[in-house]
């Protein structure tokens, strides 16, 4: 037995912590039933303990296409003839390091989750959202969790920024294609959010770059990332925005949500790109020595 309306059923990927967990909580508060994807049984058990029958955990890795499709089949069985109210593509990772010193396999892993994983999930759930027009109810919506890094690349997070730039282009094309079915696609581009992804920055072994020309900057970069995370917005702020994107009568196509919108978003767009480059270089000690 489930609680929460299956007429407002939502799928959220990467629901174990952070933005995904907050999106689950917001949807449940608003009366939805949530199908929440996680990779570990312990995380599934945690979701059930917190949200009870309002959440159905789905165990899959977004990079595993067969696992994703099995999850979609389980949701289809629960929905019956209904359409899915919303899909939140949130699952993602961040591979850090200077691009010149990262193996191609590391870059491939970044895209496998943040881009190809999104594609796996989107294709698997598209029929439930309304691409199968035999289903009843209004078409659903897709919310893509991008990043401020999806429109502004920063040093040492090149793979992450590249994957989010790709997600932004993917989302824009998808939105225009899915007009055929009435399925909307909305992008959220958060700035720093206080989530475990920032704690993982401290755990990543960046010391392997110590013997490169970027070695002196490693400590500054890690400290900056950790400071940004600790001063970031709470995940609940993004979770509530996710629900607004799913439920508002006329949502915008993209939302930026930042603690310092002028400094972190508007100002970099107003300044000449070469000036922004120099600010990064000065902050991190990248200015070329004469």
C-alpha atoms as a PDB file:
ATOM      1  CA  UNK A   1       0.000   0.000   0.000  1.00  0.00           C
ATOM      2  CA  UNK A   2       1.226   3.504  -0.839  1.00  0.00           C
ATOM      3  CA  UNK A   3       0.398   6.917   0.526  1.00  0.00           C
ATOM      4  CA  UNK A   4       0.720  10.114  -1.405  1.00  0.00           C
ATOM      5  CA  UNK A   5      -1.250  10.497  -4.595  1.00  0.00           C
ATOM      6  CA  UNK A   6      -0.248   8.352  -7.574  1.00  0.00           C
ATOM      7  CA  UNK A   7      -1.939  11.048  -9.660  1.00  0.00           C
ATOM      8  CA  UNK A   8       1.043  13.186  -8.595  1.00  0.00           C
ATOM      9  CA  UNK A   9       3.731  10.520  -8.675  1.00  0.00           C
ATOM     10  CA  UNK A  10       7.314  11.729  -9.022  1.00  0.00           C
ATOM     11  CA  UNK A  11      10.582   9.935  -9.765  1.00  0.00           C
ATOM     12  CA  UNK A  12      13.726  11.419  -8.175  1.00  0.00           C
ATOM     13  CA  UNK A  13      17.176  10.034  -8.984  1.00  0.00           C
ATOM     14  CA  UNK A  14      20.102  10.289  -6.597  1.00  0.00           C
ATOM     15  CA  UNK A  15      17.765  10.526  -3.613  1.00  0.00           C
ATOM     16  CA  UNK A  16      20.081   9.302  -0.854  1.00  0.00           C
ATOM     17  CA  UNK A  17      21.378  12.726   0.240  1.00  0.00           C
ATOM     18  CA  UNK A  18      21.486  16.428  -0.589  1.00  0.00           C
ATOM     19  CA  UNK A  19      19.266  17.919  -3.261  1.00  0.00           C
ATOM     20  CA  UNK A  20      17.689  14.580  -4.169  1.00  0.00           C
ATOM     21  CA  UNK A  21      16.679  13.831  -0.593  1.00  0.00           C
ATOM     22  CA  UNK A  22      15.321  17.381  -0.217  1.00  0.00           C
ATOM     23  CA  UNK A  23      13.302  17.018  -3.444  1.00  0.00           C
ATOM     24  CA  UNK A  24      11.772  13.823  -2.061  1.00  0.00           C
ATOM     25  CA  UNK A  25      10.854  15.556   1.196  1.00  0.00           C
ATOM     26  CA  UNK A  26       9.242  18.515  -0.573  1.00  0.00           C
ATOM     27  CA  UNK A  27       7.204  16.298  -2.898  1.00  0.00           C
ATOM     28  CA  UNK A  28       5.979  14.166   0.003  1.00  0.00           C
ATOM     29  CA  UNK A  29       4.955  17.293   1.954  1.00  0.00           C
ATOM     30  CA  UNK A  30       2.898  18.334  -1.063  1.00  0.00           C
ATOM     31  CA  UNK A  31       1.009  15.061  -1.219  1.00  0.00           C
ATOM     32  CA  UNK A  32       2.948  13.262  -3.945  1.00  0.00           C
ATOM     33  CA  UNK A  33       4.073   9.661  -3.960  1.00  0.00           C
ATOM     34  CA  UNK A  34       7.789   9.508  -4.735  1.00  0.00           C
ATOM     35  CA  UNK A  35       9.750   6.770  -6.466  1.00  0.00           C
ATOM     36  CA  UNK A  36      13.261   7.509  -5.212  1.00  0.00           C
ATOM     37  CA  UNK A  37      16.302   5.976  -6.876  1.00  0.00           C
ATOM     38  CA  UNK A  38      19.368   5.047  -4.843  1.00  0.00           C
ATOM     39  CA  UNK A  39      22.285   2.664  -5.402  1.00  0.00           C
ATOM     40  CA  UNK A  40      22.498   1.035  -1.961  1.00  0.00           C
ATOM     41  CA  UNK A  41      19.981  -0.964   0.039  1.00  0.00           C
ATOM     42  CA  UNK A  42      20.969   0.938   3.185  1.00  0.00           C
ATOM     43  CA  UNK A  43      19.878   4.190   1.534  1.00  0.00           C
ATOM     44  CA  UNK A  44      16.598   2.593   0.447  1.00  0.00           C
ATOM     45  CA  UNK A  45      16.004   1.482   4.019  1.00  0.00           C
ATOM     46  CA  UNK A  46      16.744   5.010   5.255  1.00  0.00           C
ATOM     47  CA  UNK A  47      14.177   6.504   2.891  1.00  0.00           C
ATOM     48  CA  UNK A  48      11.514   4.059   4.066  1.00  0.00           C
ATOM     49  CA  UNK A  49      12.342   4.794   7.687  1.00  0.00           C
ATOM     50  CA  UNK A  50      11.978   8.548   7.153  1.00  0.00           C
ATOM     51  CA  UNK A  51       9.064   8.751   4.720  1.00  0.00           C
ATOM     52  CA  UNK A  52       7.225   5.459   5.181  1.00  0.00           C
ATOM     53  CA  UNK A  53       4.688   4.447   2.563  1.00  0.00           C
ATOM     54  CA  UNK A  54       4.927   7.819   0.793  1.00  0.00           C
ATOM     55  CA  UNK A  55       8.177   6.676  -0.861  1.00  0.00           C
ATOM     56  CA  UNK A  56       8.971   3.650  -2.976  1.00  0.00           C
ATOM     57  CA  UNK A  57      12.744   3.195  -3.274  1.00  0.00           C
ATOM     58  CA  UNK A  58      14.168   2.081  -6.621  1.00  0.00           C
ATOM     59  CA  UNK A  59      17.573   0.394  -6.583  1.00  0.00           C
ATOM     60  CA  UNK A  60      19.592   1.249  -9.678  1.00  0.00           C
ATOM     61  CA  UNK A  61      22.660   3.081 -10.909  1.00  0.00           C
ATOM     62  CA  UNK A  62      21.754   5.604 -13.630  1.00  0.00           C
ATOM     63  CA  UNK A  63      24.711   4.326 -15.700  1.00  0.00           C
ATOM     64  CA  UNK A  64      23.131   0.839 -15.771  1.00  0.00           C
ATOM     65  CA  UNK A  65      20.602   1.039 -18.600  1.00  0.00           C
ATOM     66  CA  UNK A  66      19.049  -2.348 -17.845  1.00  0.00           C
ATOM     67  CA  UNK A  67      18.684  -1.461 -14.170  1.00  0.00           C
ATOM     68  CA  UNK A  68      17.055   1.866 -15.046  1.00  0.00           C
ATOM     69  CA  UNK A  69      14.562   0.158 -17.348  1.00  0.00           C
ATOM     70  CA  UNK A  70      13.714  -2.354 -14.645  1.00  0.00           C
ATOM     71  CA  UNK A  71      13.021   0.568 -12.300  1.00  0.00           C
ATOM     72  CA  UNK A  72      10.787   2.197 -14.911  1.00  0.00           C
ATOM     73  CA  UNK A  73       8.837  -1.056 -15.328  1.00  0.00           C
ATOM     74  CA  UNK A  74       8.216  -1.152 -11.590  1.00  0.00           C
ATOM     75  CA  UNK A  75       6.900   2.430 -11.672  1.00  0.00           C
ATOM     76  CA  UNK A  76       4.710   1.636 -14.693  1.00  0.00           C
ATOM     77  CA  UNK A  77       3.142  -1.282 -12.827  1.00  0.00           C
ATOM     78  CA  UNK A  78       2.374   0.930  -9.822  1.00  0.00           C
ATOM     79  CA  UNK A  79       0.909   3.744 -11.951  1.00  0.00           C
ATOM     80  CA  UNK A  80      -1.435   1.577 -13.947  1.00  0.00           C
ATOM     81  CA  UNK A  81      -2.829   3.707 -16.811  1.00  0.00           C
ATOM     82  CA  UNK A  82      -1.794   7.027 -15.243  1.00  0.00           C
ATOM     83  CA  UNK A  83       0.899   9.379 -16.501  1.00  0.00           C
ATOM     84  CA  UNK A  84       3.871  10.201 -14.294  1.00  0.00           C
ATOM     85  CA  UNK A  85       3.606  13.681 -12.778  1.00  0.00           C
ATOM     86  CA  UNK A  86       7.327  14.421 -12.815  1.00  0.00           C
ATOM     87  CA  UNK A  87      10.879  13.171 -13.269  1.00  0.00           C
ATOM     88  CA  UNK A  88      13.774  14.818 -11.410  1.00  0.00           C
ATOM     89  CA  UNK A  89      17.160  14.024 -12.957  1.00  0.00           C
ATOM     90  CA  UNK A  90      19.383  14.766  -9.984  1.00  0.00           C
ATOM     91  CA  UNK A  91      21.930  11.923  -9.715  1.00  0.00           C
ATOM     92  CA  UNK A  92      25.452  13.145 -10.381  1.00  0.00           C
ATOM     93  CA  UNK A  93      29.103  13.072  -9.380  1.00  0.00           C
ATOM     94  CA  UNK A  94      32.007  15.521  -9.513  1.00  0.00           C
ATOM     95  CA  UNK A  95      35.426  14.411 -10.780  1.00  0.00           C
ATOM     96  CA  UNK A  96      38.015  17.005  -9.679  1.00  0.00           C
ATOM     97  CA  UNK A  97      41.473  17.836 -10.948  1.00  0.00           C
ATOM     98  CA  UNK A  98      43.353  19.800 -13.621  1.00  0.00           C
ATOM     99  CA  UNK A  99      42.237  18.641 -17.060  1.00  0.00           C
ATOM    100  CA  UNK A 100      45.734  18.111 -18.450  1.00  0.00           C
ATOM    101  CA  UNK A 101      46.418  15.544 -15.749  1.00  0.00           C
ATOM    102  CA  UNK A 102      43.155  13.594 -15.844  1.00  0.00           C
ATOM    103  CA  UNK A 103      42.928  10.321 -17.751  1.00  0.00           C
ATOM    104  CA  UNK A 104      40.266  10.061 -20.425  1.00  0.00           C
ATOM    105  CA  UNK A 105      38.629   7.286 -18.403  1.00  0.00           C
ATOM    106  CA  UNK A 106      38.062   9.760 -15.557  1.00  0.00           C
ATOM    107  CA  UNK A 107      36.371  12.204 -17.919  1.00  0.00           C
ATOM    108  CA  UNK A 108      34.357   9.340 -19.386  1.00  0.00           C
ATOM    109  CA  UNK A 109      33.168   8.338 -15.898  1.00  0.00           C
ATOM    110  CA  UNK A 110      31.997  11.911 -15.290  1.00  0.00           C
ATOM    111  CA  UNK A 111      29.907  11.901 -18.457  1.00  0.00           C
ATOM    112  CA  UNK A 112      28.702   8.336 -17.876  1.00  0.00           C
ATOM    113  CA  UNK A 113      26.786   9.513 -14.802  1.00  0.00           C
ATOM    114  CA  UNK A 114      25.976  13.172 -15.417  1.00  0.00           C
ATOM    115  CA  UNK A 115      25.039  12.972 -19.111  1.00  0.00           C
ATOM    116  CA  UNK A 116      24.576   9.406 -20.335  1.00  0.00           C
ATOM    117  CA  UNK A 117      22.892   8.485 -17.064  1.00  0.00           C
ATOM    118  CA  UNK A 118      20.407  11.318 -17.547  1.00  0.00           C
ATOM    119  CA  UNK A 119      19.760  10.038 -21.068  1.00  0.00           C
ATOM    120  CA  UNK A 120      19.175   6.488 -19.796  1.00  0.00           C
ATOM    121  CA  UNK A 121      16.668   7.703 -17.223  1.00  0.00           C
ATOM    122  CA  UNK A 122      14.900  10.142 -19.550  1.00  0.00           C
ATOM    123  CA  UNK A 123      14.375   7.527 -22.251  1.00  0.00           C
ATOM    124  CA  UNK A 124      13.213   4.890 -19.774  1.00  0.00           C
ATOM    125  CA  UNK A 125      10.564   7.140 -18.196  1.00  0.00           C
ATOM    126  CA  UNK A 126       9.482   9.147 -21.273  1.00  0.00           C
ATOM    127  CA  UNK A 127       6.488   6.916 -22.057  1.00  0.00           C
ATOM    128  CA  UNK A 128       5.237   7.267 -18.487  1.00  0.00           C
ATOM    129  CA  UNK A 129       5.507  11.063 -18.701  1.00  0.00           C
ATOM    130  CA  UNK A 130       3.318  11.188 -21.789  1.00  0.00           C
ATOM    131  CA  UNK A 131       5.246   9.944 -24.823  1.00  0.00           C
ATOM    132  CA  UNK A 132       2.805   7.028 -24.606  1.00  0.00           C
ATOM    133  CA  UNK A 133      -0.347   9.011 -25.337  1.00  0.00           C
ATOM    134  CA  UNK A 134      -2.585   6.106 -24.336  1.00  0.00           C
ATOM    135  CA  UNK A 135      -1.886   6.939 -20.692  1.00  0.00           C
ATOM    136  CA  UNK A 136      -4.416   9.074 -18.840  1.00  0.00           C
ATOM    137  CA  UNK A 137      -3.913  12.486 -17.295  1.00  0.00           C
ATOM    138  CA  UNK A 138      -1.888  15.557 -18.240  1.00  0.00           C
ATOM    139  CA  UNK A 139       1.712  15.184 -19.475  1.00  0.00           C
ATOM    140  CA  UNK A 140       4.420  15.214 -16.835  1.00  0.00           C
ATOM    141  CA  UNK A 141       7.463  17.442 -16.469  1.00  0.00           C
ATOM    142  CA  UNK A 142      11.193  16.813 -16.297  1.00  0.00           C
ATOM    143  CA  UNK A 143      13.396  18.814 -13.943  1.00  0.00           C
ATOM    144  CA  UNK A 144      17.119  18.724 -14.691  1.00  0.00           C
ATOM    145  CA  UNK A 145      19.517  19.565 -11.862  1.00  0.00           C
ATOM    146  CA  UNK A 146      22.364  21.421 -13.526  1.00  0.00           C
ATOM    147  CA  UNK A 147      24.703  23.882 -11.791  1.00  0.00           C
ATOM    148  CA  UNK A 148      26.076  27.400 -11.930  1.00  0.00           C
ATOM    149  CA  UNK A 149      29.038  25.451 -13.339  1.00  0.00           C
ATOM    150  CA  UNK A 150      26.843  24.549 -16.318  1.00  0.00           C
ATOM    151  CA  UNK A 151      27.274  28.068 -17.665  1.00  0.00           C
ATOM    152  CA  UNK A 152      30.555  29.138 -16.067  1.00  0.00           C
ATOM    153  CA  UNK A 153      33.555  26.805 -16.054  1.00  0.00           C
ATOM    154  CA  UNK A 154      35.960  26.914 -13.116  1.00  0.00           C
ATOM    155  CA  UNK A 155      39.477  25.497 -12.698  1.00  0.00           C
ATOM    156  CA  UNK A 156      39.846  22.027 -11.192  1.00  0.00           C
ATOM    157  CA  UNK A 157      36.199  21.124 -11.819  1.00  0.00           C
ATOM    158  CA  UNK A 158      36.478  20.972 -15.606  1.00  0.00           C
ATOM    159  CA  UNK A 159      34.908  17.504 -15.984  1.00  0.00           C
ATOM    160  CA  UNK A 160      31.937  18.503 -13.822  1.00  0.00           C
ATOM    161  CA  UNK A 161      31.442  21.818 -15.628  1.00  0.00           C
ATOM    162  CA  UNK A 162      31.761  20.128 -19.024  1.00  0.00           C
ATOM    163  CA  UNK A 163      29.112  17.566 -18.077  1.00  0.00           C
ATOM    164  CA  UNK A 164      26.748  20.281 -16.858  1.00  0.00           C
ATOM    165  CA  UNK A 165      27.321  22.398 -19.991  1.00  0.00           C
ATOM    166  CA  UNK A 166      26.369  19.271 -21.944  1.00  0.00           C
ATOM    167  CA  UNK A 167      23.288  18.787 -19.767  1.00  0.00           C
ATOM    168  CA  UNK A 168      22.160  22.356 -20.466  1.00  0.00           C
ATOM    169  CA  UNK A 169      22.345  21.802 -24.231  1.00  0.00           C
ATOM    170  CA  UNK A 170      20.713  18.399 -23.948  1.00  0.00           C
ATOM    171  CA  UNK A 171      17.880  19.891 -21.898  1.00  0.00           C
ATOM    172  CA  UNK A 172      17.230  22.730 -24.330  1.00  0.00           C
ATOM    173  CA  UNK A 173      17.028  20.382 -27.317  1.00  0.00           C
ATOM    174  CA  UNK A 174      14.915  17.903 -25.365  1.00  0.00           C
ATOM    175  CA  UNK A 175      12.478  20.607 -24.254  1.00  0.00           C
ATOM    176  CA  UNK A 176      11.836  21.596 -27.851  1.00  0.00           C
ATOM    177  CA  UNK A 177      11.493  18.007 -29.039  1.00  0.00           C
ATOM    178  CA  UNK A 178       9.116  17.005 -26.249  1.00  0.00           C
ATOM    179  CA  UNK A 179       6.679  19.793 -27.130  1.00  0.00           C
ATOM    180  CA  UNK A 180       5.253  17.121 -29.449  1.00  0.00           C
ATOM    181  CA  UNK A 181       3.935  15.336 -26.345  1.00  0.00           C
ATOM    182  CA  UNK A 182       3.327  18.367 -24.116  1.00  0.00           C
ATOM    183  CA  UNK A 183       6.150  17.304 -21.753  1.00  0.00           C
ATOM    184  CA  UNK A 184       8.015  20.312 -20.353  1.00  0.00           C
ATOM    185  CA  UNK A 185      11.717  20.356 -19.373  1.00  0.00           C
ATOM    186  CA  UNK A 186      12.946  22.809 -16.730  1.00  0.00           C
ATOM    187  CA  UNK A 187      16.567  23.331 -15.670  1.00  0.00           C
ATOM    188  CA  UNK A 188      17.677  24.338 -12.170  1.00  0.00           C
ATOM    189  CA  UNK A 189      21.214  25.723 -11.880  1.00  0.00           C
ATOM    190  CA  UNK A 190      22.182  25.865  -8.191  1.00  0.00           C
ATOM    191  CA  UNK A 191      25.253  27.578  -6.863  1.00  0.00           C
ATOM    192  CA  UNK A 192      26.980  26.183  -3.799  1.00  0.00           C
ATOM    193  CA  UNK A 193      24.609  24.008  -1.778  1.00  0.00           C
ATOM    194  CA  UNK A 194      25.525  22.508   1.576  1.00  0.00           C
ATOM    195  CA  UNK A 195      25.570  18.870   0.435  1.00  0.00           C
ATOM    196  CA  UNK A 196      27.949  15.919   0.899  1.00  0.00           C
ATOM    197  CA  UNK A 197      29.443  16.524  -2.577  1.00  0.00           C
ATOM    198  CA  UNK A 198      31.567  19.266  -0.970  1.00  0.00           C
ATOM    199  CA  UNK A 199      32.726  17.021   1.866  1.00  0.00           C
ATOM    200  CA  UNK A 200      33.875  14.538  -0.770  1.00  0.00           C
ATOM    201  CA  UNK A 201      36.154  17.213  -2.210  1.00  0.00           C
ATOM    202  CA  UNK A 202      38.237  16.963   0.943  1.00  0.00           C
ATOM    203  CA  UNK A 203      38.364  13.188   0.672  1.00  0.00           C
ATOM    204  CA  UNK A 204      39.450  13.114  -2.979  1.00  0.00           C
ATOM    205  CA  UNK A 205      43.136  12.397  -3.339  1.00  0.00           C
ATOM    206  CA  UNK A 206      44.254  15.603  -5.015  1.00  0.00           C
ATOM    207  CA  UNK A 207      47.753  15.030  -3.694  1.00  0.00           C
ATOM    208  CA  UNK A 208      48.501  13.087  -6.873  1.00  0.00           C
ATOM    209  CA  UNK A 209      48.713  16.450  -8.615  1.00  0.00           C
ATOM    210  CA  UNK A 210      51.232  17.856  -6.135  1.00  0.00           C
ATOM    211  CA  UNK A 211      54.168  17.286  -8.467  1.00  0.00           C
ATOM    212  CA  UNK A 212      52.535  19.177 -11.328  1.00  0.00           C
ATOM    213  CA  UNK A 213      52.633  22.893 -12.011  1.00  0.00           C
ATOM    214  CA  UNK A 214      49.236  23.078 -10.301  1.00  0.00           C
ATOM    215  CA  UNK A 215      50.571  21.663  -7.025  1.00  0.00           C
ATOM    216  CA  UNK A 216      50.824  24.990  -5.175  1.00  0.00           C
ATOM    217  CA  UNK A 217      47.158  25.761  -5.967  1.00  0.00           C
ATOM    218  CA  UNK A 218      45.673  22.476  -4.733  1.00  0.00           C
ATOM    219  CA  UNK A 219      45.242  23.557  -1.127  1.00  0.00           C
ATOM    220  CA  UNK A 220      43.687  26.868  -2.141  1.00  0.00           C
ATOM    221  CA  UNK A 221      41.230  25.157  -4.466  1.00  0.00           C
ATOM    222  CA  UNK A 222      40.132  22.559  -1.891  1.00  0.00           C
ATOM    223  CA  UNK A 223      39.751  25.178   0.842  1.00  0.00           C
ATOM    224  CA  UNK A 224      37.725  27.385  -1.495  1.00  0.00           C
ATOM    225  CA  UNK A 225      35.412  24.486  -2.416  1.00  0.00           C
ATOM    226  CA  UNK A 226      34.896  23.528   1.211  1.00  0.00           C
ATOM    227  CA  UNK A 227      34.182  27.134   2.199  1.00  0.00           C
ATOM    228  CA  UNK A 228      31.670  27.486  -0.633  1.00  0.00           C
ATOM    229  CA  UNK A 229      29.911  24.319   0.481  1.00  0.00           C
ATOM    230  CA  UNK A 230      29.747  25.269   4.135  1.00  0.00           C
ATOM    231  CA  UNK A 231      28.352  28.696   3.251  1.00  0.00           C
ATOM    232  CA  UNK A 232      25.972  27.304   0.627  1.00  0.00           C
ATOM    233  CA  UNK A 233      22.212  27.291   0.595  1.00  0.00           C
ATOM    234  CA  UNK A 234      20.459  24.427   2.385  1.00  0.00           C
ATOM    235  CA  UNK A 235      19.332  21.584   0.097  1.00  0.00           C
ATOM    236  CA  UNK A 236      15.737  22.252   1.154  1.00  0.00           C
ATOM    237  CA  UNK A 237      15.809  25.528  -0.799  1.00  0.00           C
ATOM    238  CA  UNK A 238      16.440  23.590  -4.009  1.00  0.00           C
ATOM    239  CA  UNK A 239      14.007  20.846  -3.013  1.00  0.00           C
ATOM    240  CA  UNK A 240      11.217  23.401  -2.672  1.00  0.00           C
ATOM    241  CA  UNK A 241      12.177  24.939  -6.031  1.00  0.00           C
ATOM    242  CA  UNK A 242      12.008  21.508  -7.643  1.00  0.00           C
ATOM    243  CA  UNK A 243       8.403  21.134  -6.499  1.00  0.00           C
ATOM    244  CA  UNK A 244       7.583  24.615  -7.792  1.00  0.00           C
ATOM    245  CA  UNK A 245       9.006  23.639 -11.191  1.00  0.00           C
ATOM    246  CA  UNK A 246       6.844  20.516 -11.209  1.00  0.00           C
ATOM    247  CA  UNK A 247       3.634  22.196 -10.094  1.00  0.00           C
ATOM    248  CA  UNK A 248       3.636  25.882 -11.145  1.00  0.00           C
ATOM    249  CA  UNK A 249       1.181  26.702 -13.945  1.00  0.00           C
ATOM    250  CA  UNK A 250       3.793  28.510 -16.060  1.00  0.00           C
ATOM    251  CA  UNK A 251       7.350  27.735 -14.917  1.00  0.00           C
ATOM    252  CA  UNK A 252      10.379  29.395 -16.461  1.00  0.00           C
ATOM    253  CA  UNK A 253      12.676  27.232 -18.583  1.00  0.00           C
ATOM    254  CA  UNK A 254      15.638  27.768 -16.213  1.00  0.00           C
ATOM    255  CA  UNK A 255      16.111  28.860 -12.597  1.00  0.00           C
ATOM    256  CA  UNK A 256      19.370  29.939 -10.984  1.00  0.00           C
ATOM    257  CA  UNK A 257      19.422  29.625  -7.200  1.00  0.00           C
ATOM    258  CA  UNK A 258      22.421  31.084  -5.374  1.00  0.00           C
ATOM    259  CA  UNK A 259      23.170  32.659  -2.024  1.00  0.00           C
ATOM    260  CA  UNK A 260      25.026  35.540  -3.743  1.00  0.00           C
ATOM    261  CA  UNK A 261      23.306  35.875  -7.125  1.00  0.00           C
ATOM    262  CA  UNK A 262      25.019  39.134  -8.085  1.00  0.00           C
ATOM    263  CA  UNK A 263      28.591  38.097  -7.264  1.00  0.00           C
ATOM    264  CA  UNK A 264      28.306  34.487  -8.389  1.00  0.00           C
ATOM    265  CA  UNK A 265      25.984  34.820 -11.391  1.00  0.00           C
ATOM    266  CA  UNK A 266      25.266  38.276 -12.747  1.00  0.00           C
ATOM    267  CA  UNK A 267      28.693  39.870 -12.307  1.00  0.00           C
ATOM    268  CA  UNK A 268      30.660  37.143 -14.147  1.00  0.00           C
ATOM    269  CA  UNK A 269      28.199  37.471 -17.036  1.00  0.00           C
ATOM    270  CA  UNK A 270      28.598  41.252 -17.110  1.00  0.00           C
ATOM    271  CA  UNK A 271      32.406  41.299 -17.051  1.00  0.00           C
ATOM    272  CA  UNK A 272      34.558  40.619 -20.126  1.00  0.00           C
ATOM    273  CA  UNK A 273      35.569  36.918 -20.165  1.00  0.00           C
ATOM    274  CA  UNK A 274      39.296  37.775 -20.129  1.00  0.00           C
ATOM    275  CA  UNK A 275      38.783  39.770 -16.957  1.00  0.00           C
ATOM    276  CA  UNK A 276      37.014  36.828 -15.308  1.00  0.00           C
ATOM    277  CA  UNK A 277      39.947  34.632 -16.404  1.00  0.00           C
ATOM    278  CA  UNK A 278      42.397  36.976 -14.665  1.00  0.00           C
ATOM    279  CA  UNK A 279      40.310  37.007 -11.470  1.00  0.00           C
ATOM    280  CA  UNK A 280      40.444  33.199 -11.356  1.00  0.00           C
ATOM    281  CA  UNK A 281      44.165  33.224 -12.096  1.00  0.00           C
ATOM    282  CA  UNK A 282      44.935  35.753  -9.384  1.00  0.00           C
ATOM    283  CA  UNK A 283      42.789  33.972  -6.806  1.00  0.00           C
ATOM    284  CA  UNK A 284      44.385  30.582  -7.474  1.00  0.00           C
ATOM    285  CA  UNK A 285      47.920  31.679  -8.339  1.00  0.00           C
ATOM    286  CA  UNK A 286      47.691  30.651 -12.003  1.00  0.00           C
ATOM    287  CA  UNK A 287      49.220  33.811 -13.485  1.00  0.00           C
ATOM    288  CA  UNK A 288      52.111  32.825 -15.750  1.00  0.00           C
ATOM    289  CA  UNK A 289      55.498  33.753 -14.345  1.00  0.00           C
ATOM    290  CA  UNK A 290      57.631  35.885 -16.664  1.00  0.00           C
END
